[in-house]
Protein backbone atom coordinates (compact mmCIF):
# COMPACT_ATOMS: atom_id res chain seq x y z
CA UNK A 1 -30.84 -3.87 -14.83
CA UNK A 2 -33.61 -2.71 -17.15
CA UNK A 3 -35.28 -0.41 -14.56
CA UNK A 4 -35.15 3.41 -14.68
CA UNK A 5 -35.52 3.67 -10.96
CA UNK A 6 -33.33 2.11 -8.25
CA UNK A 7 -35.32 1.30 -5.16
CA UNK A 8 -33.35 1.70 -1.88
CA UNK A 9 -34.16 0.19 1.43
CA UNK A 10 -32.45 1.89 4.39
CA UNK A 11 -32.01 -0.18 7.57
CA UNK A 12 -31.35 2.14 10.51
CA UNK A 13 -31.98 5.88 11.20
CA UNK A 14 -29.38 6.69 13.74
CA UNK A 15 -26.78 9.44 13.36
CA UNK A 16 -25.39 8.02 10.07
CA UNK A 17 -28.63 6.56 8.83
CA UNK A 18 -30.42 9.88 9.18
CA UNK A 19 -27.82 11.64 7.17
CA UNK A 20 -27.99 9.01 4.49
CA UNK A 21 -31.72 9.48 4.28
CA UNK A 22 -31.24 13.26 4.01
CA UNK A 23 -28.69 12.87 1.20
CA UNK A 24 -30.80 10.43 -0.71
CA UNK A 25 -33.74 12.83 -0.46
CA UNK A 26 -32.10 16.26 -0.93
CA UNK A 27 -29.54 15.14 -3.53
CA UNK A 28 -31.91 12.98 -5.61
CA UNK A 29 -31.45 14.93 -8.81
CA UNK A 30 -27.70 14.99 -8.55
CA UNK A 31 -27.56 11.24 -7.78
CA UNK A 32 -29.72 10.55 -10.82
CA UNK A 33 -27.25 12.49 -13.03
CA UNK A 34 -24.33 10.54 -11.65
CA UNK A 35 -25.96 7.13 -11.73
CA UNK A 36 -28.04 7.30 -14.90
CA UNK A 37 -31.26 6.25 -13.19
CA UNK A 38 -33.55 7.82 -10.63
CA UNK A 39 -33.24 6.87 -6.98
CA UNK A 40 -36.21 6.13 -4.71
CA UNK A 41 -35.89 5.70 -1.02
CA UNK A 42 -38.74 3.21 -0.51
CA UNK A 43 -38.54 2.94 3.22
CA UNK A 44 -36.49 3.15 6.49
CA UNK A 45 -36.55 0.20 8.88
CA UNK A 46 -36.37 1.19 12.53
CA UNK A 47 -37.29 -0.18 15.99
CA UNK A 48 -39.53 2.71 16.92
CA UNK A 49 -41.27 4.67 14.22
CA UNK A 50 -42.15 7.52 16.61
CA UNK A 51 -38.66 8.24 17.86
CA UNK A 52 -37.04 11.61 17.32
CA UNK A 53 -34.24 11.63 14.71
CA UNK A 54 -31.43 13.84 13.52
CA UNK A 55 -33.21 14.23 10.14
CA UNK A 56 -36.98 13.66 9.79
CA UNK A 57 -37.85 11.94 6.52
CA UNK A 58 -41.45 11.59 5.38
CA UNK A 59 -43.31 9.79 8.21
CA UNK A 60 -44.72 7.14 5.82
CA UNK A 61 -41.22 5.90 5.04
CA UNK A 62 -40.60 4.56 8.60
CA UNK A 63 -41.45 0.91 9.23
CA UNK A 64 -40.58 -1.91 11.58
CA UNK A 65 -40.89 -4.50 8.86
CA UNK A 66 -37.27 -4.76 7.66
CA UNK A 67 -37.86 -8.00 5.76
CA UNK A 68 -40.66 -6.65 3.53
CA UNK A 69 -38.56 -3.61 2.82
CA UNK A 70 -35.54 -5.71 1.78
CA UNK A 71 -37.72 -7.88 -0.51
CA UNK A 72 -39.05 -4.76 -2.28
CA UNK A 73 -35.70 -3.14 -2.82
CA UNK A 74 -33.03 -3.21 -5.47
CA UNK A 75 -30.29 -2.02 -3.07
CA UNK A 76 -30.17 -2.38 0.72
CA UNK A 77 -28.15 0.02 2.91
CA UNK A 78 -27.54 -1.50 6.43
CA UNK A 79 -26.63 0.91 9.19
CA UNK A 80 -28.07 -0.78 12.24
CA UNK A 81 -24.88 -2.12 13.77
CA UNK A 82 -24.35 -5.24 15.84
CA UNK A 83 -24.29 -8.87 14.67
CA UNK A 84 -27.95 -9.77 14.65
CA UNK A 85 -30.38 -9.20 13.11
CA UNK A 86 -27.98 -7.33 10.77
CA UNK A 87 -26.28 -10.53 9.54
CA UNK A 88 -29.53 -12.29 8.74
CA UNK A 89 -30.94 -9.26 6.95
CA UNK A 90 -27.83 -8.79 4.76
CA UNK A 91 -27.83 -12.45 3.87
CA UNK A 92 -31.49 -12.24 2.98
CA UNK A 93 -30.71 -9.43 0.60
CA UNK A 94 -27.54 -10.95 -0.88
CA UNK A 95 -29.04 -14.39 -1.41
CA UNK A 96 -31.82 -12.67 -3.40
CA UNK A 97 -29.23 -10.99 -5.58
CA UNK A 98 -29.69 -7.54 -4.10
CA UNK A 99 -26.56 -5.40 -3.60
CA UNK A 100 -25.77 -4.26 -0.10
CA UNK A 101 -23.92 -1.23 1.40
CA UNK A 102 -22.97 -1.64 5.02
CA UNK A 103 -21.03 0.33 7.58
CA UNK A 104 -21.12 -2.51 10.10
CA UNK A 105 -17.49 -3.09 11.06
CA UNK A 106 -18.20 -5.50 13.88
CA UNK A 107 -20.28 -7.81 11.62
CA UNK A 108 -17.84 -7.59 8.70
CA UNK A 109 -14.87 -8.39 10.97
CA UNK A 110 -16.67 -11.47 12.31
CA UNK A 111 -18.74 -12.78 9.33
CA UNK A 112 -17.23 -10.97 6.32
CA UNK A 113 -16.12 -14.19 4.74
CA UNK A 114 -19.63 -15.62 4.82
CA UNK A 115 -21.19 -12.43 3.53
CA UNK A 116 -18.64 -12.14 0.67
CA UNK A 117 -19.36 -15.75 -0.35
CA UNK A 118 -23.11 -15.04 -0.48
CA UNK A 119 -22.55 -11.94 -2.64
CA UNK A 120 -20.23 -13.86 -5.02
CA UNK A 121 -22.74 -16.69 -5.40
CA UNK A 122 -25.67 -14.43 -6.35
CA UNK A 123 -23.58 -11.85 -8.27
CA UNK A 124 -24.58 -9.08 -5.89
CA UNK A 125 -22.22 -6.41 -4.72
CA UNK A 126 -21.26 -6.02 -1.09
CA UNK A 127 -19.58 -2.66 -0.29
CA UNK A 128 -18.50 -1.31 3.10
CA UNK A 129 -16.26 1.74 2.77
CA UNK A 130 -17.95 3.37 5.73
CA UNK A 131 -16.94 0.49 8.07
CA UNK A 132 -13.35 1.82 8.32
CA UNK A 133 -12.21 5.43 9.03
CA UNK A 134 -15.48 7.22 8.30
CA UNK A 135 -15.17 9.49 5.25
CA UNK A 136 -11.62 8.50 4.47
CA UNK A 137 -11.48 6.50 1.19
CA UNK A 138 -9.20 3.64 2.15
CA UNK A 139 -10.97 0.37 1.34
CA UNK A 140 -11.64 1.09 -2.30
CA UNK A 141 -8.02 2.19 -2.90
CA UNK A 142 -6.85 -1.03 -1.27
CA UNK A 143 -9.21 -3.16 -3.35
CA UNK A 144 -9.06 -1.27 -6.65
CA UNK A 145 -6.34 1.38 -6.99
CA UNK A 146 -3.56 -0.70 -5.42
CA UNK A 147 -4.77 -4.02 -6.81
CA UNK A 148 -1.78 -4.23 -9.20
CA UNK A 149 0.80 -3.56 -6.43
CA UNK A 150 2.16 -5.55 -3.51
CA UNK A 151 1.15 -3.99 -0.23
CA UNK A 152 3.70 -4.70 2.50
CA UNK A 153 2.24 -2.79 5.42
CA UNK A 154 -0.71 -0.79 6.59
CA UNK A 155 -0.69 1.11 9.88
CA UNK A 156 -3.07 3.72 11.02
CA UNK A 157 -5.07 5.63 13.57
CA UNK A 158 -8.46 3.99 13.06
CA UNK A 159 -10.35 5.19 16.15
CA UNK A 160 -11.05 8.86 16.68
CA UNK A 161 -12.00 8.56 20.36
CA UNK A 162 -8.68 7.09 21.44
CA UNK A 163 -6.73 9.52 19.33
CA UNK A 164 -8.56 12.42 20.96
CA UNK A 165 -7.83 11.04 24.40
CA UNK A 166 -4.11 10.46 23.72
CA UNK A 167 -3.80 13.83 21.95
CA UNK A 168 -5.23 15.55 24.98
CA UNK A 169 -2.82 13.73 27.31
CA UNK A 170 0.10 14.77 24.97
CA UNK A 171 -0.84 18.44 24.42
CA UNK A 172 -2.37 19.35 27.86
CA UNK A 173 -0.75 16.87 30.20
CA UNK A 174 -4.19 15.53 31.16
CA UNK A 175 -4.60 12.19 32.97
CA UNK A 176 -6.36 9.40 31.08
CA UNK A 177 -9.53 9.67 33.14
CA UNK A 178 -9.84 13.41 32.61
CA UNK A 179 -9.22 13.16 28.83
CA UNK A 180 -11.87 10.36 28.61
CA UNK A 181 -14.42 12.46 30.47
CA UNK A 182 -13.78 15.37 28.12
CA UNK A 183 -14.19 13.02 25.08
CA UNK A 184 -17.53 11.87 26.50
CA UNK A 185 -18.65 15.46 27.14
CA UNK A 186 -17.93 16.33 23.50
CA UNK A 187 -19.58 13.28 22.14
CA UNK A 188 -16.47 11.60 20.82
CA UNK A 189 -16.84 8.75 23.37
CA UNK A 190 -19.94 6.74 24.27
CA UNK A 191 -21.26 6.52 27.79
CA UNK A 192 -19.74 2.98 27.71
CA UNK A 193 -16.43 3.59 25.94
CA UNK A 194 -15.19 0.02 26.23
CA UNK A 195 -15.10 -0.77 22.55
CA UNK A 196 -12.94 2.25 21.84
CA UNK A 197 -10.54 2.38 24.75
CA UNK A 198 -9.95 -1.36 24.87
CA UNK A 199 -9.10 -1.35 21.14
CA UNK A 200 -11.93 -3.58 19.95
CA UNK A 201 -13.29 -1.02 17.46
CA UNK A 202 -9.93 -0.52 15.86
CA UNK A 203 -9.32 -4.39 15.85
CA UNK A 204 -12.48 -4.89 13.81
CA UNK A 205 -11.29 -2.32 11.27
CA UNK A 206 -7.83 -3.90 11.23
CA UNK A 207 -9.26 -7.30 10.29
CA UNK A 208 -11.21 -5.73 7.39
CA UNK A 209 -8.19 -3.77 6.15
CA UNK A 210 -5.88 -6.75 6.33
CA UNK A 211 -8.27 -8.99 4.40
CA UNK A 212 -8.32 -6.43 1.46
CA UNK A 213 -4.71 -5.46 1.59
CA UNK A 214 -3.32 -9.01 1.56
CA UNK A 215 -6.09 -10.78 -0.39
CA UNK A 216 -6.85 -13.20 2.43
CA UNK A 217 -9.65 -14.06 4.79
CA UNK A 218 -9.08 -12.59 8.28
CA UNK A 219 -11.53 -12.17 11.14
CA UNK A 220 -11.46 -10.26 14.50
CA UNK A 221 -10.11 -13.51 16.03
CA UNK A 222 -6.84 -13.04 14.09
CA UNK A 223 -6.18 -9.55 15.63
CA UNK A 224 -4.01 -9.14 18.69
CA UNK A 225 -5.65 -6.34 20.65
CA UNK A 226 -4.42 -4.01 23.40
CA UNK A 227 -6.19 -0.86 24.54
CA UNK A 228 -5.05 2.47 26.01
CA UNK A 229 -6.44 2.15 29.60
CA UNK A 230 -2.93 1.52 31.08
CA UNK A 231 -1.36 4.59 29.44
CA UNK A 232 -0.48 7.23 32.07
CA UNK A 233 0.48 10.83 31.97
CA UNK A 234 3.93 9.74 32.97
CA UNK A 235 4.15 7.47 29.90
CA UNK A 236 3.12 10.30 27.63
CA UNK A 237 5.63 12.67 29.24
CA UNK A 238 8.41 10.16 28.90
CA UNK A 239 7.61 9.60 25.32
CA UNK A 240 7.62 13.35 24.63
CA UNK A 241 11.00 13.61 26.32
CA UNK A 242 12.41 11.04 23.91
CA UNK A 243 10.83 12.71 20.85
CA UNK A 244 7.75 10.46 20.53
CA UNK A 245 3.97 10.67 20.76
CA UNK A 246 1.81 7.76 21.81
CA UNK A 247 -0.83 6.64 19.33
CA UNK A 248 -3.20 3.65 19.24
CA UNK A 249 -2.15 2.00 15.98
CA UNK A 250 -3.73 -0.71 13.98
CA UNK A 251 -0.88 -2.53 12.17
CA UNK A 252 -1.24 -5.06 9.41
CA UNK A 253 2.06 -6.15 7.97
CA UNK A 254 3.48 -8.98 5.82
CA UNK A 255 5.50 -11.26 8.09
CA UNK A 256 7.33 -13.97 6.16
CA UNK A 257 4.67 -16.18 4.66
CA UNK A 258 1.92 -14.67 6.81
CA UNK A 259 0.43 -11.45 8.07
CA UNK A 260 0.59 -9.99 11.57
CA UNK A 261 -2.48 -7.98 12.54
CA UNK A 262 -2.41 -6.12 15.82
CA UNK A 263 -3.83 -3.03 17.62
CA UNK A 264 -1.66 -1.59 20.37
CA UNK A 265 -0.41 1.73 21.85
CA UNK A 266 2.75 2.73 20.02
CA UNK A 267 5.44 5.33 20.39
CA UNK A 268 5.56 7.19 17.06
CA UNK A 269 8.41 9.48 16.24
CA UNK A 270 7.38 13.19 16.12
CA UNK A 271 8.69 13.26 12.57
CA UNK A 272 6.32 10.56 11.32
CA UNK A 273 3.18 11.80 9.50
CA UNK A 274 0.88 9.93 11.93
CA UNK A 275 2.29 11.89 14.86
CA UNK A 276 0.67 15.04 13.52
CA UNK A 277 -2.86 13.57 13.49
CA UNK A 278 -4.66 15.42 16.27
CA UNK A 279 -8.07 15.37 17.89
CA UNK A 280 -10.60 12.80 16.71
CA UNK A 281 -9.19 12.55 13.21
CA UNK A 282 -8.07 9.27 11.61
CA UNK A 283 -5.22 8.51 9.29
CA UNK A 284 -4.03 5.37 7.47
CA UNK A 285 -0.45 4.95 6.24
CA UNK A 286 0.12 2.44 3.42
CA UNK A 287 3.39 1.09 2.22
CA UNK A 288 3.54 -0.73 -1.16
CA UNK A 289 6.41 -2.10 -3.12
CA UNK A 290 5.90 0.21 -6.15
CA UNK A 291 3.60 3.08 -5.00
CA UNK A 292 5.84 3.63 -1.98
CA UNK A 293 4.34 5.40 1.03
CA UNK A 294 0.72 6.75 0.92
CA UNK A 295 -1.31 8.43 3.64
CA UNK A 296 -5.05 8.82 3.83
CA UNK A 297 -6.33 11.42 6.33
CA UNK A 298 -9.66 12.88 7.44
CA UNK A 299 -12.58 12.69 9.83
CA UNK A 300 -12.98 9.12 11.02
CA UNK A 301 -16.54 9.38 12.33
CA UNK A 302 -19.61 11.58 12.47
CA UNK A 303 -22.91 11.36 10.74
CA UNK A 304 -22.30 13.44 7.58
CA UNK A 305 -18.73 12.22 6.87
CA UNK A 306 -19.58 8.54 7.36
CA UNK A 307 -22.79 9.05 5.22
CA UNK A 308 -20.53 10.37 2.46
CA UNK A 309 -18.68 7.07 2.43
CA UNK A 310 -21.96 5.21 2.29
CA UNK A 311 -23.22 7.27 -0.66
CA UNK A 312 -19.92 6.75 -2.46
CA UNK A 313 -20.46 2.97 -2.24
CA UNK A 314 -24.08 3.39 -3.29
CA UNK A 315 -23.31 5.37 -6.40
CA UNK A 316 -20.62 3.01 -7.51
CA UNK A 317 -22.72 -0.11 -7.24
CA UNK A 318 -25.86 1.66 -8.59
CA UNK A 319 -23.90 2.54 -11.72
CA UNK A 320 -23.00 -1.12 -12.07
CA UNK A 321 -26.67 -2.08 -11.72
CA UNK A 322 -27.65 0.36 -14.49
CA UNK A 323 -25.04 -1.01 -16.82
CA UNK A 324 -26.05 -4.63 -16.02
CA UNK A 325 -22.70 -5.78 -14.68
CA UNK A 326 -22.20 -8.27 -11.82
CA UNK A 327 -20.80 -7.35 -8.48
CA UNK A 328 -17.04 -7.40 -7.98
CA UNK A 329 -16.17 -10.38 -5.71
CA UNK A 330 -13.64 -10.15 -2.94
CA UNK A 331 -10.10 -11.16 -3.87
CA UNK A 332 -8.84 -13.77 -1.40
CA UNK A 333 -6.52 -15.74 -3.62
CA UNK A 334 -3.46 -15.42 -1.41
CA UNK A 335 -5.03 -17.03 1.72
CA UNK A 336 -2.20 -15.97 3.92
CA UNK A 337 -2.36 -17.04 7.58
CA UNK A 338 -2.29 -14.74 10.57
CA UNK A 339 1.17 -14.96 12.28
CA UNK A 340 1.45 -15.32 16.10
CA UNK A 341 2.55 -12.39 18.22
CA UNK A 342 5.49 -14.41 19.60
CA UNK A 343 7.32 -13.92 16.26
CA UNK A 344 6.66 -10.16 15.83
CA UNK A 345 9.82 -8.06 15.92
CA UNK A 346 9.60 -4.58 17.38
CA UNK A 347 11.37 -1.98 19.47
CA UNK A 348 10.00 -1.40 23.01
CA UNK A 349 9.86 1.29 25.63
CA UNK A 350 9.82 -0.12 29.17
CA UNK A 351 9.09 1.73 32.38
CA UNK A 352 10.34 0.19 35.64
CA UNK A 353 10.32 1.34 39.29
CA UNK A 354 13.31 -0.12 41.12
CA UNK A 355 15.01 0.07 44.48
CA UNK A 356 17.57 2.87 44.50
CA UNK A 357 20.55 0.62 45.22
CA UNK A 358 23.99 0.01 43.71
CA UNK A 359 24.08 -2.61 40.90
CA UNK A 360 20.36 -2.71 40.19
CA UNK A 361 20.59 -1.20 36.75
CA UNK A 362 23.56 -3.42 35.80
CA UNK A 363 21.61 -6.47 36.82
CA UNK A 364 18.62 -5.50 34.72
CA UNK A 365 20.86 -4.82 31.74
CA UNK A 366 22.40 -8.26 32.15
CA UNK A 367 18.94 -9.95 32.13
CA UNK A 368 17.93 -8.11 28.97
CA UNK A 369 21.22 -9.25 27.27
CA UNK A 370 20.77 -12.87 28.39
CA UNK A 371 17.36 -13.04 26.78
CA UNK A 372 18.42 -11.58 23.46
CA UNK A 373 16.96 -8.07 24.01
CA UNK A 374 19.50 -5.43 23.22
CA UNK A 375 19.10 -2.08 25.11
CA UNK A 376 19.37 1.11 22.96
CA UNK A 377 19.03 3.56 25.81
CA UNK A 378 18.53 3.41 29.54
CA UNK A 379 17.94 6.52 31.61
CA UNK A 380 16.79 7.30 35.09
CA UNK A 381 13.67 9.38 35.38
CA UNK A 382 12.42 11.23 38.39
CA UNK A 383 12.17 9.35 41.60
CA UNK A 384 8.90 8.20 43.16
CA UNK A 385 9.22 10.63 46.05
CA UNK A 386 9.98 8.27 48.90
CA UNK A 387 13.80 8.49 48.52
CA UNK A 388 14.25 4.78 48.31
CA UNK A 389 13.31 4.04 44.65
CA UNK A 390 13.90 5.28 41.16
CA UNK A 391 12.04 5.19 37.88
CA UNK A 392 13.96 4.05 34.80
CA UNK A 393 13.00 4.11 31.15
CA UNK A 394 14.54 1.53 28.78
CA UNK A 395 14.24 1.67 24.98
CA UNK A 396 15.29 -1.54 23.24
CA UNK A 397 16.54 -2.39 19.82
CA UNK A 398 14.39 -4.72 17.74
CA UNK A 399 13.45 -7.91 19.50
CA UNK A 400 10.80 -10.66 19.24
CA UNK A 401 7.72 -10.29 21.34
CA UNK A 402 8.44 -13.72 22.88
CA UNK A 403 11.96 -12.65 23.99
CA UNK A 404 10.68 -9.39 25.40
CA UNK A 405 7.99 -11.08 27.42
CA UNK A 406 10.41 -13.65 28.87
CA UNK A 407 12.77 -10.82 29.74
CA UNK A 408 10.06 -8.86 31.58
CA UNK A 409 8.91 -11.94 33.52
CA UNK A 410 12.41 -12.42 34.90
CA UNK A 411 12.81 -8.69 35.66
CA UNK A 412 9.50 -8.50 37.41
CA UNK A 413 10.49 -11.34 39.72
CA UNK A 414 13.56 -9.48 41.04
CA UNK A 415 13.35 -8.35 44.73
CA UNK A 416 14.79 -4.95 43.62
CA UNK A 417 12.00 -4.27 41.17
CA UNK A 418 8.90 -2.67 42.69
CA UNK A 419 6.76 -2.30 39.52
CA UNK A 420 6.89 -2.51 35.76
CA UNK A 421 4.85 0.48 34.92
CA UNK A 422 4.59 0.11 31.15
CA UNK A 423 5.71 -1.80 28.08
CA UNK A 424 4.91 0.02 24.82
CA UNK A 425 5.95 -0.80 21.33
CA UNK A 426 8.07 1.75 19.40
CA UNK A 427 7.48 2.47 15.70
CA UNK A 428 10.48 3.12 13.47
């Protein structure tokens, strides 16, 4: 690099950005020792320079001219979120050969291939550990530590808001709406929680993880996504009775010559490590041919924890700048395709409300068998209270998603079936 000072442009001063500014300022001497060069925060691009912030840096650092800041920097840290103008700004930096650290999961899940290509062309480094699971180091282990292994599966709890809601429903018996309200009161959920509870946030992270784990280019469009809004207290209670807990899992797994990437509510056995992840914490479970089973656990959000991941990326690429080495390009040699959900094989838990008549259960069992879906257990739960209906819970053996959906369409059309209350995948 030839310079003794690394000039840093920070884009965004929200919860995470403010903590990054604090760490760059308060830990400047320590960072210099680790990097081998001094670090100068040359400016912070914001929409409103007079707004109140979690950490107040020197007033002269705040500016609305992000482009001028990028042009003057050696390294750009982008923490503004959203697609634009973040995409244009990151491309401006990368095309000029300036390394970038980003925590923008939505942008990376949609335009990560374009950004990685720009970085590779200019020799810049693009790092984004903070985009997935907050402070948990998962992306660098996938890209570096496990680069010599064959990863077969990654599954994890990648959204703290939904984990908090489901955990409250499991431990207190709360209804979904009550657990969501409490999550909002505590600041775990936004006023508009759609991205979390509909699974979109976890889906963006799944696309990023799958791309690194399987050396291929995946986007958010390759991810099958289901949220948790349909999960009821009855579903949670039924899962508990069978020895399970419901979690919103992001699953990326090798499937023949392709990779299936999905986000969906899943029944996890109480004995599985992911079942013990409580509150707003995240955890990622990795299965590899030689390393075996690995689990990464910790806070998945929050200003200081996420800022820690940002600074980890910054120190790593700053060291590379000092030594004069090029950025490490993304490895997408495999170019595996995303496989369709129709071919995914899983176990399922199905809740059905039926007429309380002779032969109804036998008829449903026959339909399952005719469509290639084998029943592992079938039990009658409590009635609905009107004396004319019954609730049943069916757990299947492994079956394809296509066969299960065909089965449920036929069952749903029966005159003796009042409602299909839930269809949830079962892990294990």
